[in-house]
Amino acid sequence: MPETPPQRIPLDDLADDVDLVRRARQLARQWSELADTTMAKIKEAVGDAEEATVNGRPAVRHSTRTVTRLDSKRLRADLPEDVLAPYVNVTTEHRYELLED
């Protein structure tokens, strides 16, 4: 019988790494918000133009595409489970969630 891993292990020797990940994620969120806000200004300025330039050089390209996706939520609501079963893939994933202090 395989041995069950412990439910809780100490990471005292990795405390600096845990703090580093927390700080890096906080900074990433801040930078992402700044990028999103700034990009919104750029999009507004570009509008429907295909290209925008900075000092005569191409800087922003605008294009439109159509995306088709399967509405799995609606399929599950409309079709019986036995009809969907052959098309469902089940996978196991490991999720590591860094807890905040």
C-alpha atoms as a PDB file:
ATOM      1  CA  MET A   1       0.000   0.000   0.000  1.00  0.00           C
ATOM      2  CA  PRO A   2       1.472   3.429  -0.951  1.00  0.00           C
ATOM      3  CA  GLU A   3       2.476   5.671   1.887  1.00  0.00           C
ATOM      4  CA  THR A   4       0.209   8.694   2.440  1.00  0.00           C
ATOM      5  CA  PRO A   5       2.120  11.984   2.316  1.00  0.00           C
ATOM      6  CA  PRO A   6       1.973  14.184   5.417  1.00  0.00           C
ATOM      7  CA  GLN A   7      -0.900  16.658   5.492  1.00  0.00           C
ATOM      8  CA  ARG A   8       1.289  19.548   6.616  1.00  0.00           C
ATOM      9  CA  ILE A   9       5.019  20.129   6.202  1.00  0.00           C
ATOM     10  CA  PRO A  10       7.160  22.998   7.468  1.00  0.00           C
ATOM     11  CA  LEU A  11       8.664  25.371   4.893  1.00  0.00           C
ATOM     12  CA  ASP A  12      10.653  27.406   7.414  1.00  0.00           C
ATOM     13  CA  ASP A  13      13.777  27.123   5.273  1.00  0.00           C
ATOM     14  CA  LEU A  14      11.818  28.581   2.315  1.00  0.00           C
ATOM     15  CA  ALA A  15      10.214  31.488   4.219  1.00  0.00           C
ATOM     16  CA  ASP A  16      12.127  34.051   2.135  1.00  0.00           C
ATOM     17  CA  ASP A  17      10.954  32.360  -1.062  1.00  0.00           C
ATOM     18  CA  VAL A  18       7.336  32.379   0.095  1.00  0.00           C
ATOM     19  CA  ASP A  19       7.606  36.095   0.903  1.00  0.00           C
ATOM     20  CA  LEU A  20       9.282  36.734  -2.455  1.00  0.00           C
ATOM     21  CA  VAL A  21       6.431  35.062  -4.350  1.00  0.00           C
ATOM     22  CA  ARG A  22       3.862  37.094  -2.389  1.00  0.00           C
ATOM     23  CA  ARG A  23       5.664  40.359  -3.141  1.00  0.00           C
ATOM     24  CA  ALA A  24       6.239  39.476  -6.800  1.00  0.00           C
ATOM     25  CA  ARG A  25       2.543  38.668  -7.271  1.00  0.00           C
ATOM     26  CA  GLN A  26       1.560  41.937  -5.601  1.00  0.00           C
ATOM     27  CA  LEU A  27       3.879  43.877  -7.906  1.00  0.00           C
ATOM     28  CA  ALA A  28       2.636  41.908 -10.924  1.00  0.00           C
ATOM     29  CA  ARG A  29      -0.963  42.876 -10.063  1.00  0.00           C
ATOM     30  CA  GLN A  30       0.037  46.536  -9.773  1.00  0.00           C
ATOM     31  CA  TRP A  31       1.933  46.493 -13.078  1.00  0.00           C
ATOM     32  CA  SER A  32      -0.910  44.628 -14.771  1.00  0.00           C
ATOM     33  CA  GLU A  33      -3.419  47.238 -13.614  1.00  0.00           C
ATOM     34  CA  LEU A  34      -1.137  50.006 -14.884  1.00  0.00           C
ATOM     35  CA  ALA A  35      -0.702  48.243 -18.234  1.00  0.00           C
ATOM     36  CA  ASP A  36      -4.467  47.711 -18.583  1.00  0.00           C
ATOM     37  CA  THR A  37      -5.276  51.344 -17.781  1.00  0.00           C
ATOM     38  CA  THR A  38      -2.615  52.646 -20.152  1.00  0.00           C
ATOM     39  CA  MET A  39      -3.622  50.245 -22.933  1.00  0.00           C
ATOM     40  CA  ALA A  40      -7.225  51.446 -22.607  1.00  0.00           C
ATOM     41  CA  LYS A  41      -6.011  54.991 -23.382  1.00  0.00           C
ATOM     42  CA  ILE A  42      -4.076  53.731 -26.385  1.00  0.00           C
ATOM     43  CA  LYS A  43      -7.070  51.731 -27.689  1.00  0.00           C
ATOM     44  CA  GLU A  44      -9.280  54.785 -27.383  1.00  0.00           C
ATOM     45  CA  ALA A  45      -6.772  56.861 -29.358  1.00  0.00           C
ATOM     46  CA  VAL A  46      -6.320  54.196 -32.069  1.00  0.00           C
ATOM     47  CA  GLY A  47     -10.035  53.518 -32.479  1.00  0.00           C
ATOM     48  CA  ASP A  48     -10.739  51.542 -35.672  1.00  0.00           C
ATOM     49  CA  ALA A  49      -7.496  52.469 -37.436  1.00  0.00           C
ATOM     50  CA  GLU A  50      -5.447  49.473 -38.604  1.00  0.00           C
ATOM     51  CA  GLU A  51      -2.159  50.877 -37.382  1.00  0.00           C
ATOM     52  CA  ALA A  52      -0.801  53.639 -35.175  1.00  0.00           C
ATOM     53  CA  THR A  53       2.693  55.055 -35.133  1.00  0.00           C
ATOM     54  CA  VAL A  54       5.086  56.664 -32.688  1.00  0.00           C
ATOM     55  CA  ASN A  55       7.610  59.013 -34.308  1.00  0.00           C
ATOM     56  CA  GLY A  56       6.654  57.597 -37.698  1.00  0.00           C
ATOM     57  CA  ARG A  57       7.320  53.980 -36.748  1.00  0.00           C
ATOM     58  CA  PRO A  58       4.542  51.375 -36.380  1.00  0.00           C
ATOM     59  CA  ALA A  59       3.713  50.942 -32.696  1.00  0.00           C
ATOM     60  CA  VAL A  60       0.190  49.499 -32.505  1.00  0.00           C
ATOM     61  CA  ARG A  61      -1.626  47.209 -34.914  1.00  0.00           C
ATOM     62  CA  HIS A  62      -5.394  46.787 -34.669  1.00  0.00           C
ATOM     63  CA  SER A  63      -7.234  43.835 -36.185  1.00  0.00           C
ATOM     64  CA  THR A  64     -10.535  42.089 -35.693  1.00  0.00           C
ATOM     65  CA  ARG A  65     -11.105  38.356 -35.541  1.00  0.00           C
ATOM     66  CA  THR A  66     -14.090  36.126 -35.012  1.00  0.00           C
ATOM     67  CA  VAL A  67     -13.777  33.434 -32.367  1.00  0.00           C
ATOM     68  CA  THR A  68     -16.030  30.388 -32.193  1.00  0.00           C
ATOM     69  CA  ARG A  69     -16.273  28.496 -28.910  1.00  0.00           C
ATOM     70  CA  LEU A  70     -18.395  25.646 -27.729  1.00  0.00           C
ATOM     71  CA  ASP A  71     -20.821  26.690 -24.969  1.00  0.00           C
ATOM     72  CA  SER A  72     -20.235  23.799 -22.570  1.00  0.00           C
ATOM     73  CA  LYS A  73     -22.492  25.279 -19.899  1.00  0.00           C
ATOM     74  CA  ARG A  74     -25.425  25.342 -22.299  1.00  0.00           C
ATOM     75  CA  LEU A  75     -24.645  21.844 -23.581  1.00  0.00           C
ATOM     76  CA  ARG A  76     -24.711  20.491 -20.039  1.00  0.00           C
ATOM     77  CA  ALA A  77     -28.032  22.228 -19.421  1.00  0.00           C
ATOM     78  CA  ASP A  78     -29.620  21.029 -22.688  1.00  0.00           C
ATOM     79  CA  LEU A  79     -28.271  17.496 -23.171  1.00  0.00           C
ATOM     80  CA  PRO A  80     -28.456  14.426 -20.935  1.00  0.00           C
ATOM     81  CA  GLU A  81     -25.265  13.293 -19.245  1.00  0.00           C
ATOM     82  CA  ASP A  82     -25.117   9.977 -21.163  1.00  0.00           C
ATOM     83  CA  VAL A  83     -24.997  11.893 -24.471  1.00  0.00           C
ATOM     84  CA  LEU A  84     -22.178  14.129 -23.215  1.00  0.00           C
ATOM     85  CA  ALA A  85     -20.169  11.385 -21.480  1.00  0.00           C
ATOM     86  CA  PRO A  86     -18.148  10.237 -24.534  1.00  0.00           C
ATOM     87  CA  TYR A  87     -16.970  13.820 -25.102  1.00  0.00           C
ATOM     88  CA  VAL A  88     -15.917  14.605 -21.555  1.00  0.00           C
ATOM     89  CA  ASN A  89     -12.262  14.397 -20.527  1.00  0.00           C
ATOM     90  CA  VAL A  90     -11.455  14.088 -16.852  1.00  0.00           C
ATOM     91  CA  THR A  91      -7.989  15.087 -15.709  1.00  0.00           C
ATOM     92  CA  THR A  92      -6.306  15.439 -12.343  1.00  0.00           C
ATOM     93  CA  GLU A  93      -4.389  18.621 -11.662  1.00  0.00           C
ATOM     94  CA  HIS A  94      -2.344  19.748  -8.695  1.00  0.00           C
ATOM     95  CA  ARG A  95      -3.136  23.209  -7.426  1.00  0.00           C
ATOM     96  CA  TYR A  96      -0.796  25.056  -5.106  1.00  0.00           C
ATOM     97  CA  GLU A  97      -2.361  28.093  -3.466  1.00  0.00           C
ATOM     98  CA  LEU A  98      -0.050  30.489  -1.658  1.00  0.00           C
ATOM     99  CA  LEU A  99      -1.943  31.654   1.436  1.00  0.00           C
ATOM    100  CA  GLU A 100      -1.756  35.283   2.463  1.00  0.00           C
ATOM    101  CA  ASP A 101      -0.644  36.189   5.982  1.00  0.00           C
END
